[in-house]
mmCIF file of all heavy atoms, coordinates in Angstrom:
data_MODEL
# 
_entry.id   MODEL 
# 
loop_
_atom_site.group_PDB 
_atom_site.id 
_atom_site.type_symbol 
_atom_site.label_atom_id 
_atom_site.label_alt_id 
_atom_site.label_comp_id 
_atom_site.label_asym_id 
_atom_site.label_entity_id 
_atom_site.label_seq_id 
_atom_site.pdbx_PDB_ins_code 
_atom_site.Cartn_x 
_atom_site.Cartn_y 
_atom_site.Cartn_z 
_atom_site.occupancy 
_atom_site.B_iso_or_equiv 
_atom_site.pdbx_formal_charge 
_atom_site.auth_seq_id 
_atom_site.auth_comp_id 
_atom_site.auth_asym_id 
_atom_site.auth_atom_id 
_atom_site.pdbx_PDB_model_num 
ATOM 1   N N   . ALA A 1 1  ? 96.271  102.472 115.132 1.00 0.00 ? 1  ALA A N   1 
ATOM 2   C CA  . ALA A 1 1  ? 97.574  102.641 114.548 1.00 0.00 ? 1  ALA A CA  1 
ATOM 3   C C   . ALA A 1 1  ? 98.608  101.772 115.282 1.00 0.00 ? 1  ALA A C   1 
ATOM 4   O O   . ALA A 1 1  ? 99.367  101.049 114.659 1.00 0.00 ? 1  ALA A O   1 
ATOM 5   C CB  . ALA A 1 1  ? 97.985  104.066 114.503 1.00 0.00 ? 1  ALA A CB  1 
ATOM 6   N N   . LYS A 1 2  ? 98.533  101.847 116.602 1.00 0.00 ? 2  LYS A N   1 
ATOM 7   C CA  . LYS A 1 2  ? 99.471  101.080 117.413 1.00 0.00 ? 2  LYS A CA  1 
ATOM 8   C C   . LYS A 1 2  ? 99.247  99.608  117.302 1.00 0.00 ? 2  LYS A C   1 
ATOM 9   O O   . LYS A 1 2  ? 100.169 98.806  117.187 1.00 0.00 ? 2  LYS A O   1 
ATOM 10  C CB  . LYS A 1 2  ? 99.337  101.526 118.899 1.00 0.00 ? 2  LYS A CB  1 
ATOM 11  C CG  . LYS A 1 2  ? 100.255 100.731 119.849 1.00 0.00 ? 2  LYS A CG  1 
ATOM 12  C CD  . LYS A 1 2  ? 100.031 101.209 121.280 1.00 0.00 ? 2  LYS A CD  1 
ATOM 13  C CE  . LYS A 1 2  ? 100.889 100.426 122.245 1.00 0.00 ? 2  LYS A CE  1 
ATOM 14  N NZ  . LYS A 1 2  ? 100.658 100.872 123.642 1.00 0.00 ? 2  LYS A NZ  1 
ATOM 15  N N   . GLN A 1 3  ? 97.918  99.224  117.298 1.00 0.00 ? 3  GLN A N   1 
ATOM 16  C CA  . GLN A 1 3  ? 97.605  97.826  117.235 1.00 0.00 ? 3  GLN A CA  1 
ATOM 17  C C   . GLN A 1 3  ? 98.034  97.201  115.865 1.00 0.00 ? 3  GLN A C   1 
ATOM 18  O O   . GLN A 1 3  ? 98.553  96.049  115.792 1.00 0.00 ? 3  GLN A O   1 
ATOM 19  C CB  . GLN A 1 3  ? 96.101  97.592  117.372 1.00 0.00 ? 3  GLN A CB  1 
ATOM 20  C CG  . GLN A 1 3  ? 95.545  98.123  118.715 1.00 0.00 ? 3  GLN A CG  1 
ATOM 21  C CD  . GLN A 1 3  ? 96.181  97.463  119.910 1.00 0.00 ? 3  GLN A CD  1 
ATOM 22  O OE1 . GLN A 1 3  ? 96.735  96.352  119.793 1.00 0.00 ? 3  GLN A OE1 1 
ATOM 23  N NE2 . GLN A 1 3  ? 96.139  98.106  121.040 1.00 0.00 ? 3  GLN A NE2 1 
ATOM 24  N N   . ILE A 1 4  ? 97.827  97.933  114.777 1.00 0.00 ? 4  ILE A N   1 
ATOM 25  C CA  . ILE A 1 4  ? 98.221  97.393  113.476 1.00 0.00 ? 4  ILE A CA  1 
ATOM 26  C C   . ILE A 1 4  ? 99.732  97.375  113.341 1.00 0.00 ? 4  ILE A C   1 
ATOM 27  O O   . ILE A 1 4  ? 100.317 96.444  112.755 1.00 0.00 ? 4  ILE A O   1 
ATOM 28  C CB  . ILE A 1 4  ? 97.587  98.271  112.313 1.00 0.00 ? 4  ILE A CB  1 
ATOM 29  C CG1 . ILE A 1 4  ? 96.059  97.958  112.323 1.00 0.00 ? 4  ILE A CG1 1 
ATOM 30  C CG2 . ILE A 1 4  ? 98.217  97.940  110.956 1.00 0.00 ? 4  ILE A CG2 1 
ATOM 31  C CD1 . ILE A 1 4  ? 95.295  98.820  111.301 1.00 0.00 ? 4  ILE A CD1 1 
ATOM 32  N N   . TYR A 1 5  ? 100.428 98.366  113.907 1.00 0.00 ? 5  TYR A N   1 
ATOM 33  C CA  . TYR A 1 5  ? 101.889 98.329  113.949 1.00 0.00 ? 5  TYR A CA  1 
ATOM 34  C C   . TYR A 1 5  ? 102.393 97.063  114.665 1.00 0.00 ? 5  TYR A C   1 
ATOM 35  O O   . TYR A 1 5  ? 103.316 96.391  114.167 1.00 0.00 ? 5  TYR A O   1 
ATOM 36  C CB  . TYR A 1 5  ? 102.472 99.565  114.588 1.00 0.00 ? 5  TYR A CB  1 
ATOM 37  C CG  . TYR A 1 5  ? 103.956 99.616  114.627 1.00 0.00 ? 5  TYR A CG  1 
ATOM 38  C CD1 . TYR A 1 5  ? 104.681 100.038 113.526 1.00 0.00 ? 5  TYR A CD1 1 
ATOM 39  C CD2 . TYR A 1 5  ? 104.657 99.195  115.746 1.00 0.00 ? 5  TYR A CD2 1 
ATOM 40  C CE1 . TYR A 1 5  ? 106.097 100.073 113.548 1.00 0.00 ? 5  TYR A CE1 1 
ATOM 41  C CE2 . TYR A 1 5  ? 106.035 99.209  115.777 1.00 0.00 ? 5  TYR A CE2 1 
ATOM 42  C CZ  . TYR A 1 5  ? 106.737 99.651  114.687 1.00 0.00 ? 5  TYR A CZ  1 
ATOM 43  O OH  . TYR A 1 5  ? 108.136 99.619  114.721 1.00 0.00 ? 5  TYR A OH  1 
ATOM 44  N N   . ASN A 1 6  ? 101.819 96.781  115.787 1.00 0.00 ? 6  ASN A N   1 
ATOM 45  C CA  . ASN A 1 6  ? 102.238 95.584  116.525 1.00 0.00 ? 6  ASN A CA  1 
ATOM 46  C C   . ASN A 1 6  ? 101.870 94.295  115.763 1.00 0.00 ? 6  ASN A C   1 
ATOM 47  O O   . ASN A 1 6  ? 102.566 93.267  115.873 1.00 0.00 ? 6  ASN A O   1 
ATOM 48  C CB  . ASN A 1 6  ? 101.539 95.547  117.877 1.00 0.00 ? 6  ASN A CB  1 
ATOM 49  C CG  . ASN A 1 6  ? 102.060 96.598  118.841 1.00 0.00 ? 6  ASN A CG  1 
ATOM 50  O OD1 . ASN A 1 6  ? 103.165 97.104  118.651 1.00 0.00 ? 6  ASN A OD1 1 
ATOM 51  N ND2 . ASN A 1 6  ? 101.271 96.985  119.830 1.00 0.00 ? 6  ASN A ND2 1 
ATOM 52  N N   . PHE A 1 7  ? 100.819 94.362  114.958 1.00 0.00 ? 7  PHE A N   1 
ATOM 53  C CA  . PHE A 1 7  ? 100.367 93.219  114.122 1.00 0.00 ? 7  PHE A CA  1 
ATOM 54  C C   . PHE A 1 7  ? 101.296 93.029  112.935 1.00 0.00 ? 7  PHE A C   1 
ATOM 55  O O   . PHE A 1 7  ? 101.740 91.900  112.650 1.00 0.00 ? 7  PHE A O   1 
ATOM 56  C CB  . PHE A 1 7  ? 98.919  93.429  113.703 1.00 0.00 ? 7  PHE A CB  1 
ATOM 57  C CG  . PHE A 1 7  ? 98.453  92.416  112.716 1.00 0.00 ? 7  PHE A CG  1 
ATOM 58  C CD1 . PHE A 1 7  ? 98.203  91.103  113.043 1.00 0.00 ? 7  PHE A CD1 1 
ATOM 59  C CD2 . PHE A 1 7  ? 98.215  92.810  111.369 1.00 0.00 ? 7  PHE A CD2 1 
ATOM 60  C CE1 . PHE A 1 7  ? 97.726  90.156  112.125 1.00 0.00 ? 7  PHE A CE1 1 
ATOM 61  C CE2 . PHE A 1 7  ? 97.734  91.901  110.437 1.00 0.00 ? 7  PHE A CE2 1 
ATOM 62  C CZ  . PHE A 1 7  ? 97.490  90.591  110.782 1.00 0.00 ? 7  PHE A CZ  1 
ATOM 63  N N   . ASN A 1 8  ? 101.554 94.105  112.226 1.00 0.00 ? 8  ASN A N   1 
ATOM 64  C CA  . ASN A 1 8  ? 102.404 94.041  111.013 1.00 0.00 ? 8  ASN A CA  1 
ATOM 65  C C   . ASN A 1 8  ? 103.022 95.420  110.731 1.00 0.00 ? 8  ASN A C   1 
ATOM 66  O O   . ASN A 1 8  ? 102.448 96.228  110.050 1.00 0.00 ? 8  ASN A O   1 
ATOM 67  C CB  . ASN A 1 8  ? 101.562 93.585  109.806 1.00 0.00 ? 8  ASN A CB  1 
ATOM 68  C CG  . ASN A 1 8  ? 102.415 93.348  108.556 1.00 0.00 ? 8  ASN A CG  1 
ATOM 69  O OD1 . ASN A 1 8  ? 103.627 93.658  108.531 1.00 0.00 ? 8  ASN A OD1 1 
ATOM 70  N ND2 . ASN A 1 8  ? 101.808 92.881  107.487 1.00 0.00 ? 8  ASN A ND2 1 
ATOM 71  N N   . LYS A 1 9  ? 104.195 95.616  111.293 1.00 0.00 ? 9  LYS A N   1 
ATOM 72  C CA  . LYS A 1 9  ? 104.828 96.932  111.198 1.00 0.00 ? 9  LYS A CA  1 
ATOM 73  C C   . LYS A 1 9  ? 105.271 97.270  109.776 1.00 0.00 ? 9  LYS A C   1 
ATOM 74  O O   . LYS A 1 9  ? 105.594 98.447  109.467 1.00 0.00 ? 9  LYS A O   1 
ATOM 75  C CB  . LYS A 1 9  ? 106.031 97.031  112.138 1.00 0.00 ? 9  LYS A CB  1 
ATOM 76  C CG  . LYS A 1 9  ? 107.187 96.085  111.814 1.00 0.00 ? 9  LYS A CG  1 
ATOM 77  C CD  . LYS A 1 9  ? 108.274 96.248  112.840 1.00 0.00 ? 9  LYS A CD  1 
ATOM 78  C CE  . LYS A 1 9  ? 109.458 95.318  112.520 1.00 0.00 ? 9  LYS A CE  1 
ATOM 79  N NZ  . LYS A 1 9  ? 110.552 95.480  113.558 1.00 0.00 ? 9  LYS A NZ  1 
ATOM 80  N N   . ASN A 1 10 ? 105.285 96.316  108.879 1.00 0.00 ? 10 ASN A N   1 
ATOM 81  C CA  . ASN A 1 10 ? 105.674 96.530  107.491 1.00 0.00 ? 10 ASN A CA  1 
ATOM 82  C C   . ASN A 1 10 ? 104.523 96.806  106.569 1.00 0.00 ? 10 ASN A C   1 
ATOM 83  O O   . ASN A 1 10 ? 104.667 96.884  105.371 1.00 0.00 ? 10 ASN A O   1 
ATOM 84  C CB  . ASN A 1 10 ? 106.477 95.355  106.980 1.00 0.00 ? 10 ASN A CB  1 
ATOM 85  C CG  . ASN A 1 10 ? 107.796 95.173  107.746 1.00 0.00 ? 10 ASN A CG  1 
ATOM 86  O OD1 . ASN A 1 10 ? 108.511 96.164  107.997 1.00 0.00 ? 10 ASN A OD1 1 
ATOM 87  N ND2 . ASN A 1 10 ? 108.135 93.942  108.159 1.00 0.00 ? 10 ASN A ND2 1 
ATOM 88  N N   . ALA A 1 11 ? 103.312 96.851  107.159 1.00 0.00 ? 11 ALA A N   1 
ATOM 89  C CA  . ALA A 1 11 ? 102.126 97.068  106.330 1.00 0.00 ? 11 ALA A CA  1 
ATOM 90  C C   . ALA A 1 11 ? 102.141 98.430  105.648 1.00 0.00 ? 11 ALA A C   1 
ATOM 91  O O   . ALA A 1 11 ? 102.742 99.412  106.154 1.00 0.00 ? 11 ALA A O   1 
ATOM 92  C CB  . ALA A 1 11 ? 100.865 96.925  107.216 1.00 0.00 ? 11 ALA A CB  1 
ATOM 93  N N   . LYS A 1 12 ? 101.476 98.491  104.499 1.00 0.00 ? 12 LYS A N   1 
ATOM 94  C CA  . LYS A 1 12 ? 101.294 99.781  103.808 1.00 0.00 ? 12 LYS A CA  1 
ATOM 95  C C   . LYS A 1 12 ? 99.895  100.301 104.250 1.00 0.00 ? 12 LYS A C   1 
ATOM 96  O O   . LYS A 1 12 ? 98.935  99.542  104.297 1.00 0.00 ? 12 LYS A O   1 
ATOM 97  C CB  . LYS A 1 12 ? 101.251 99.576  102.306 1.00 0.00 ? 12 LYS A CB  1 
ATOM 98  C CG  . LYS A 1 12 ? 102.623 99.187  101.702 1.00 0.00 ? 12 LYS A CG  1 
ATOM 99  C CD  . LYS A 1 12 ? 103.334 100.448 101.182 1.00 0.00 ? 12 LYS A CD  1 
ATOM 100 C CE  . LYS A 1 12 ? 104.486 100.119 100.286 1.00 0.00 ? 12 LYS A CE  1 
ATOM 101 N NZ  . LYS A 1 12 ? 105.134 101.317 99.711  1.00 0.00 ? 12 LYS A NZ  1 
ATOM 102 N N   . ILE A 1 13 ? 99.864  101.651 104.536 1.00 0.00 ? 13 ILE A N   1 
ATOM 103 C CA  . ILE A 1 13 ? 98.651  102.240 105.028 1.00 0.00 ? 13 ILE A CA  1 
ATOM 104 C C   . ILE A 1 13 ? 98.311  103.434 104.159 1.00 0.00 ? 13 ILE A C   1 
ATOM 105 O O   . ILE A 1 13 ? 99.178  104.275 103.834 1.00 0.00 ? 13 ILE A O   1 
ATOM 106 C CB  . ILE A 1 13 ? 98.820  102.747 106.498 1.00 0.00 ? 13 ILE A CB  1 
ATOM 107 C CG1 . ILE A 1 13 ? 99.538  101.716 107.375 1.00 0.00 ? 13 ILE A CG1 1 
ATOM 108 C CG2 . ILE A 1 13 ? 97.442  103.183 107.057 1.00 0.00 ? 13 ILE A CG2 1 
ATOM 109 C CD1 . ILE A 1 13 ? 98.789  100.483 107.705 1.00 0.00 ? 13 ILE A CD1 1 
ATOM 110 N N   . PHE A 1 14 ? 97.035  103.512 103.748 1.00 0.00 ? 14 PHE A N   1 
ATOM 111 C CA  . PHE A 1 14 ? 96.582  104.694 102.985 1.00 0.00 ? 14 PHE A CA  1 
ATOM 112 C C   . PHE A 1 14 ? 95.165  105.081 103.364 1.00 0.00 ? 14 PHE A C   1 
ATOM 113 O O   . PHE A 1 14 ? 94.420  104.264 103.889 1.00 0.00 ? 14 PHE A O   1 
ATOM 114 C CB  . PHE A 1 14 ? 96.772  104.522 101.494 1.00 0.00 ? 14 PHE A CB  1 
ATOM 115 C CG  . PHE A 1 14 ? 95.767  103.639 100.808 1.00 0.00 ? 14 PHE A CG  1 
ATOM 116 C CD1 . PHE A 1 14 ? 94.715  104.178 100.065 1.00 0.00 ? 14 PHE A CD1 1 
ATOM 117 C CD2 . PHE A 1 14 ? 95.888  102.240 100.870 1.00 0.00 ? 14 PHE A CD2 1 
ATOM 118 C CE1 . PHE A 1 14 ? 93.801  103.360 99.385  1.00 0.00 ? 14 PHE A CE1 1 
ATOM 119 C CE2 . PHE A 1 14 ? 94.967  101.446 100.242 1.00 0.00 ? 14 PHE A CE2 1 
ATOM 120 C CZ  . PHE A 1 14 ? 93.954  101.979 99.471  1.00 0.00 ? 14 PHE A CZ  1 
ATOM 121 N N   . ALA A 1 15 ? 94.841  106.323 103.138 1.00 0.00 ? 15 ALA A N   1 
ATOM 122 C CA  . ALA A 1 15 ? 93.503  106.851 103.454 1.00 0.00 ? 15 ALA A CA  1 
ATOM 123 C C   . ALA A 1 15 ? 93.021  107.752 102.324 1.00 0.00 ? 15 ALA A C   1 
ATOM 124 O O   . ALA A 1 15 ? 93.855  108.324 101.603 1.00 0.00 ? 15 ALA A O   1 
ATOM 125 C CB  . ALA A 1 15 ? 93.548  107.629 104.764 1.00 0.00 ? 15 ALA A CB  1 
ATOM 126 N N   . VAL A 1 16 ? 91.712  107.867 102.206 1.00 0.00 ? 16 VAL A N   1 
ATOM 127 C CA  . VAL A 1 16 ? 91.107  108.815 101.277 1.00 0.00 ? 16 VAL A CA  1 
ATOM 128 C C   . VAL A 1 16 ? 90.266  109.752 102.158 1.00 0.00 ? 16 VAL A C   1 
ATOM 129 O O   . VAL A 1 16 ? 89.484  109.297 102.929 1.00 0.00 ? 16 VAL A O   1 
ATOM 130 C CB  . VAL A 1 16 ? 90.176  108.114 100.282 1.00 0.00 ? 16 VAL A CB  1 
ATOM 131 C CG1 . VAL A 1 16 ? 89.649  109.120 99.231  1.00 0.00 ? 16 VAL A CG1 1 
ATOM 132 C CG2 . VAL A 1 16 ? 90.858  106.954 99.535  1.00 0.00 ? 16 VAL A CG2 1 
ATOM 133 N N   . ILE A 1 17 ? 90.532  111.081 101.986 1.00 0.00 ? 17 ILE A N   1 
ATOM 134 C CA  . ILE A 1 17 ? 89.773  112.009 102.807 1.00 0.00 ? 17 ILE A CA  1 
ATOM 135 C C   . ILE A 1 17 ? 88.929  112.937 101.904 1.00 0.00 ? 17 ILE A C   1 
ATOM 136 O O   . ILE A 1 17 ? 89.264  113.146 100.747 1.00 0.00 ? 17 ILE A O   1 
ATOM 137 C CB  . ILE A 1 17 ? 90.714  112.888 103.656 1.00 0.00 ? 17 ILE A CB  1 
ATOM 138 C CG1 . ILE A 1 17 ? 91.767  113.612 102.806 1.00 0.00 ? 17 ILE A CG1 1 
ATOM 139 C CG2 . ILE A 1 17 ? 91.420  112.029 104.701 1.00 0.00 ? 17 ILE A CG2 1 
ATOM 140 C CD1 . ILE A 1 17 ? 92.640  114.590 103.545 1.00 0.00 ? 17 ILE A CD1 1 
ATOM 141 N N   . ARG A 1 18 ? 87.846  113.431 102.467 1.00 0.00 ? 18 ARG A N   1 
ATOM 142 C CA  . ARG A 1 18 ? 86.888  114.219 101.726 1.00 0.00 ? 18 ARG A CA  1 
ATOM 143 C C   . ARG A 1 18 ? 86.595  115.510 102.518 1.00 0.00 ? 18 ARG A C   1 
ATOM 144 O O   . ARG A 1 18 ? 86.723  115.509 103.749 1.00 0.00 ? 18 ARG A O   1 
ATOM 145 C CB  . ARG A 1 18 ? 85.610  113.381 101.595 1.00 0.00 ? 18 ARG A CB  1 
ATOM 146 C CG  . ARG A 1 18 ? 84.462  114.055 100.869 1.00 0.00 ? 18 ARG A CG  1 
ATOM 147 C CD  . ARG A 1 18 ? 83.247  113.085 100.841 1.00 0.00 ? 18 ARG A CD  1 
ATOM 148 N NE  . ARG A 1 18 ? 82.176  113.596 99.999  1.00 0.00 ? 18 ARG A NE  1 
ATOM 149 C CZ  . ARG A 1 18 ? 81.083  112.918 99.794  1.00 0.00 ? 18 ARG A CZ  1 
ATOM 150 N NH1 . ARG A 1 18 ? 80.845  111.721 100.374 1.00 0.00 ? 18 ARG A NH1 1 
ATOM 151 N NH2 . ARG A 1 18 ? 80.114  113.425 99.003  1.00 0.00 ? 18 ARG A NH2 1 
ATOM 152 N N   . ASN A 1 19 ? 86.258  116.562 101.788 1.00 0.00 ? 19 ASN A N   1 
ATOM 153 C CA  . ASN A 1 19 ? 85.783  117.775 102.495 1.00 0.00 ? 19 ASN A CA  1 
ATOM 154 C C   . ASN A 1 19 ? 84.906  117.327 103.677 1.00 0.00 ? 19 ASN A C   1 
ATOM 155 O O   . ASN A 1 19 ? 83.874  116.680 103.489 1.00 0.00 ? 19 ASN A O   1 
ATOM 156 C CB  . ASN A 1 19 ? 84.970  118.589 101.514 1.00 0.00 ? 19 ASN A CB  1 
ATOM 157 C CG  . ASN A 1 19 ? 84.463  119.907 102.103 1.00 0.00 ? 19 ASN A CG  1 
ATOM 158 O OD1 . ASN A 1 19 ? 84.195  120.000 103.299 1.00 0.00 ? 19 ASN A OD1 1 
ATOM 159 N ND2 . ASN A 1 19 ? 84.341  120.944 101.280 1.00 0.00 ? 19 ASN A ND2 1 
ATOM 160 N N   . PRO A 1 20 ? 85.321  117.650 104.924 1.00 0.00 ? 20 PRO A N   1 
ATOM 161 C CA  . PRO A 1 20 ? 84.588  117.107 106.080 1.00 0.00 ? 20 PRO A CA  1 
ATOM 162 C C   . PRO A 1 20 ? 83.161  117.637 106.154 1.00 0.00 ? 20 PRO A C   1 
ATOM 163 O O   . PRO A 1 20 ? 82.304  116.956 106.801 1.00 0.00 ? 20 PRO A O   1 
ATOM 164 C CB  . PRO A 1 20 ? 85.412  117.646 107.277 1.00 0.00 ? 20 PRO A CB  1 
ATOM 165 C CG  . PRO A 1 20 ? 86.118  118.847 106.736 1.00 0.00 ? 20 PRO A CG  1 
ATOM 166 C CD  . PRO A 1 20 ? 86.426  118.530 105.315 1.00 0.00 ? 20 PRO A CD  1 
ATOM 167 N N   . ILE A 1 21 ? 82.822  118.738 105.508 1.00 0.00 ? 21 ILE A N   1 
ATOM 168 C CA  . ILE A 1 21 ? 81.408  119.225 105.488 1.00 0.00 ? 21 ILE A CA  1 
ATOM 169 C C   . ILE A 1 21 ? 80.605  118.293 104.589 1.00 0.00 ? 21 ILE A C   1 
ATOM 170 O O   . ILE A 1 21 ? 79.476  117.900 104.960 1.00 0.00 ? 21 ILE A O   1 
ATOM 171 C CB  . ILE A 1 21 ? 81.358  120.679 105.030 1.00 0.00 ? 21 ILE A CB  1 
ATOM 172 C CG1 . ILE A 1 21 ? 82.193  121.551 105.982 1.00 0.00 ? 21 ILE A CG1 1 
ATOM 173 C CG2 . ILE A 1 21 ? 79.965  121.196 104.933 1.00 0.00 ? 21 ILE A CG2 1 
ATOM 174 C CD1 . ILE A 1 21 ? 82.628  122.873 105.486 1.00 0.00 ? 21 ILE A CD1 1 
ATOM 175 N N   . GLU A 1 22 ? 81.120  118.010 103.415 1.00 0.00 ? 22 GLU A N   1 
ATOM 176 C CA  . GLU A 1 22 ? 80.456  117.053 102.518 1.00 0.00 ? 22 GLU A CA  1 
ATOM 177 C C   . GLU A 1 22 ? 80.337  115.666 103.177 1.00 0.00 ? 22 GLU A C   1 
ATOM 178 O O   . GLU A 1 22 ? 79.342  114.949 103.030 1.00 0.00 ? 22 GLU A O   1 
ATOM 179 C CB  . GLU A 1 22 ? 81.197  116.941 101.205 1.00 0.00 ? 22 GLU A CB  1 
ATOM 180 C CG  . GLU A 1 22 ? 81.159  118.202 100.350 1.00 0.00 ? 22 GLU A CG  1 
ATOM 181 C CD  . GLU A 1 22 ? 81.948  118.052 99.078  1.00 0.00 ? 22 GLU A CD  1 
ATOM 182 O OE1 . GLU A 1 22 ? 82.516  116.892 98.875  1.00 0.00 ? 22 GLU A OE1 1 
ATOM 183 O OE2 . GLU A 1 22 ? 82.033  118.978 98.275  1.00 0.00 ? 22 GLU A OE2 1 
ATOM 184 N N   . ARG A 1 23 ? 81.447  115.274 103.826 1.00 0.00 ? 23 ARG A N   1 
ATOM 185 C CA  . ARG A 1 23 ? 81.430  113.959 104.489 1.00 0.00 ? 23 ARG A CA  1 
ATOM 186 C C   . ARG A 1 23 ? 80.409  113.891 105.587 1.00 0.00 ? 23 ARG A C   1 
ATOM 187 O O   . ARG A 1 23 ? 79.705  112.850 105.718 1.00 0.00 ? 23 ARG A O   1 
ATOM 188 C CB  . ARG A 1 23 ? 82.870  113.716 105.095 1.00 0.00 ? 23 ARG A CB  1 
ATOM 189 C CG  . ARG A 1 23 ? 83.134  112.234 105.418 1.00 0.00 ? 23 ARG A CG  1 
ATOM 190 C CD  . ARG A 1 23 ? 83.946  112.099 106.716 1.00 0.00 ? 23 ARG A CD  1 
ATOM 191 N NE  . ARG A 1 23 ? 83.117  112.459 107.856 1.00 0.00 ? 23 ARG A NE  1 
ATOM 192 C CZ  . ARG A 1 23 ? 82.269  111.634 108.476 1.00 0.00 ? 23 ARG A CZ  1 
ATOM 193 N NH1 . ARG A 1 23 ? 82.098  110.414 108.037 1.00 0.00 ? 23 ARG A NH1 1 
ATOM 194 N NH2 . ARG A 1 23 ? 81.606  112.017 109.513 1.00 0.00 ? 23 ARG A NH2 1 
ATOM 195 N N   . TYR A 1 24 ? 80.257  114.961 106.314 1.00 0.00 ? 24 TYR A N   1 
ATOM 196 C CA  . TYR A 1 24 ? 79.221  115.020 107.413 1.00 0.00 ? 24 TYR A CA  1 
ATOM 197 C C   . TYR A 1 24 ? 77.837  114.799 106.818 1.00 0.00 ? 24 TYR A C   1 
ATOM 198 O O   . TYR A 1 24 ? 77.051  113.992 107.325 1.00 0.00 ? 24 TYR A O   1 
ATOM 199 C CB  . TYR A 1 24 ? 79.295  116.360 108.141 1.00 0.00 ? 24 TYR A CB  1 
ATOM 200 C CG  . TYR A 1 24 ? 78.304  116.495 109.282 1.00 0.00 ? 24 TYR A CG  1 
ATOM 201 C CD1 . TYR A 1 24 ? 78.716  116.209 110.592 1.00 0.00 ? 24 TYR A CD1 1 
ATOM 202 C CD2 . TYR A 1 24 ? 76.977  116.824 109.060 1.00 0.00 ? 24 TYR A CD2 1 
ATOM 203 C CE1 . TYR A 1 24 ? 77.818  116.301 111.658 1.00 0.00 ? 24 TYR A CE1 1 
ATOM 204 C CE2 . TYR A 1 24 ? 76.055  116.862 110.089 1.00 0.00 ? 24 TYR A CE2 1 
ATOM 205 C CZ  . TYR A 1 24 ? 76.502  116.601 111.390 1.00 0.00 ? 24 TYR A CZ  1 
ATOM 206 O OH  . TYR A 1 24 ? 75.592  116.662 112.449 1.00 0.00 ? 24 TYR A OH  1 
ATOM 207 N N   . GLU A 1 25 ? 77.551  115.507 105.734 1.00 0.00 ? 25 GLU A N   1 
ATOM 208 C CA  . GLU A 1 25 ? 76.233  115.367 105.093 1.00 0.00 ? 25 GLU A CA  1 
ATOM 209 C C   . GLU A 1 25 ? 75.984  113.949 104.577 1.00 0.00 ? 25 GLU A C   1 
ATOM 210 O O   . GLU A 1 25 ? 74.887  113.370 104.810 1.00 0.00 ? 25 GLU A O   1 
ATOM 211 C CB  . GLU A 1 25 ? 76.131  116.362 103.953 1.00 0.00 ? 25 GLU A CB  1 
ATOM 212 C CG  . GLU A 1 25 ? 74.758  116.366 103.275 1.00 0.00 ? 25 GLU A CG  1 
ATOM 213 C CD  . GLU A 1 25 ? 74.685  117.432 102.148 1.00 0.00 ? 25 GLU A CD  1 
ATOM 214 O OE1 . GLU A 1 25 ? 75.046  117.092 100.980 1.00 0.00 ? 25 GLU A OE1 1 
ATOM 215 O OE2 . GLU A 1 25 ? 74.303  118.556 102.436 1.00 0.00 ? 25 GLU A OE2 1 
ATOM 216 N N   . SER A 1 26 ? 76.996  113.350 103.987 1.00 0.00 ? 26 SER A N   1 
ATOM 217 C CA  . SER A 1 26 ? 76.867  111.984 103.475 1.00 0.00 ? 26 SER A CA  1 
ATOM 218 C C   . SER A 1 26 ? 76.686  111.002 104.609 1.00 0.00 ? 26 SER A C   1 
ATOM 219 O O   . SER A 1 26 ? 75.867  110.080 104.518 1.00 0.00 ? 26 SER A O   1 
ATOM 220 C CB  . SER A 1 26 ? 78.114  111.630 102.639 1.00 0.00 ? 26 SER A CB  1 
ATOM 221 O OG  . SER A 1 26 ? 78.026  110.355 102.121 1.00 0.00 ? 26 SER A OG  1 
ATOM 222 N N   . ALA A 1 27 ? 77.473  111.190 105.680 1.00 0.00 ? 27 ALA A N   1 
ATOM 223 C CA  . ALA A 1 27 ? 77.381  110.284 106.813 1.00 0.00 ? 27 ALA A CA  1 
ATOM 224 C C   . ALA A 1 27 ? 76.037  110.427 107.525 1.00 0.00 ? 27 ALA A C   1 
ATOM 225 O O   . ALA A 1 27 ? 75.443  109.427 107.988 1.00 0.00 ? 27 ALA A O   1 
ATOM 226 C CB  . ALA A 1 27 ? 78.481  110.550 107.799 1.00 0.00 ? 27 ALA A CB  1 
ATOM 227 N N   . TYR A 1 28 ? 75.527  111.623 107.556 1.00 0.00 ? 28 TYR A N   1 
ATOM 228 C CA  . TYR A 1 28 ? 74.191  111.866 108.145 1.00 0.00 ? 28 TYR A CA  1 
ATOM 229 C C   . TYR A 1 28 ? 73.121  111.068 107.428 1.00 0.00 ? 28 TYR A C   1 
ATOM 230 O O   . TYR A 1 28 ? 72.285  110.382 108.025 1.00 0.00 ? 28 TYR A O   1 
ATOM 231 C CB  . TYR A 1 28 ? 73.874  113.361 108.117 1.00 0.00 ? 28 TYR A CB  1 
ATOM 232 C CG  . TYR A 1 28 ? 72.802  113.852 109.027 1.00 0.00 ? 28 TYR A CG  1 
ATOM 233 C CD1 . TYR A 1 28 ? 73.042  114.577 110.177 1.00 0.00 ? 28 TYR A CD1 1 
ATOM 234 C CD2 . TYR A 1 28 ? 71.438  113.615 108.717 1.00 0.00 ? 28 TYR A CD2 1 
ATOM 235 C CE1 . TYR A 1 28 ? 72.056  114.992 111.031 1.00 0.00 ? 28 TYR A CE1 1 
ATOM 236 C CE2 . TYR A 1 28 ? 70.407  114.068 109.515 1.00 0.00 ? 28 TYR A CE2 1 
ATOM 237 C CZ  . TYR A 1 28 ? 70.725  114.764 110.704 1.00 0.00 ? 28 TYR A CZ  1 
ATOM 238 O OH  . TYR A 1 28 ? 69.714  115.201 111.497 1.00 0.00 ? 28 TYR A OH  1 
ATOM 239 N N   . ASN A 1 29 ? 73.183  111.120 106.134 1.00 0.00 ? 29 ASN A N   1 
ATOM 240 C CA  . ASN A 1 29 ? 72.248  110.326 105.296 1.00 0.00 ? 29 ASN A CA  1 
ATOM 241 C C   . ASN A 1 29 ? 72.434  108.802 105.484 1.00 0.00 ? 29 ASN A C   1 
ATOM 242 O O   . ASN A 1 29 ? 71.480  108.080 105.538 1.00 0.00 ? 29 ASN A O   1 
ATOM 243 C CB  . ASN A 1 29 ? 72.395  110.709 103.818 1.00 0.00 ? 29 ASN A CB  1 
ATOM 244 C CG  . ASN A 1 29 ? 71.677  111.999 103.468 1.00 0.00 ? 29 ASN A CG  1 
ATOM 245 O OD1 . ASN A 1 29 ? 70.471  112.017 103.264 1.00 0.00 ? 29 ASN A OD1 1 
ATOM 246 N ND2 . ASN A 1 29 ? 72.418  113.099 103.401 1.00 0.00 ? 29 ASN A ND2 1 
# 
């Protein structure tokens, strides 16, 4: 976060989050 702010403080940032239990199973696979 700090590095990207220093690179381009005007950038737009977004994330997609998933039930962490489902995410764990998917990442395990």
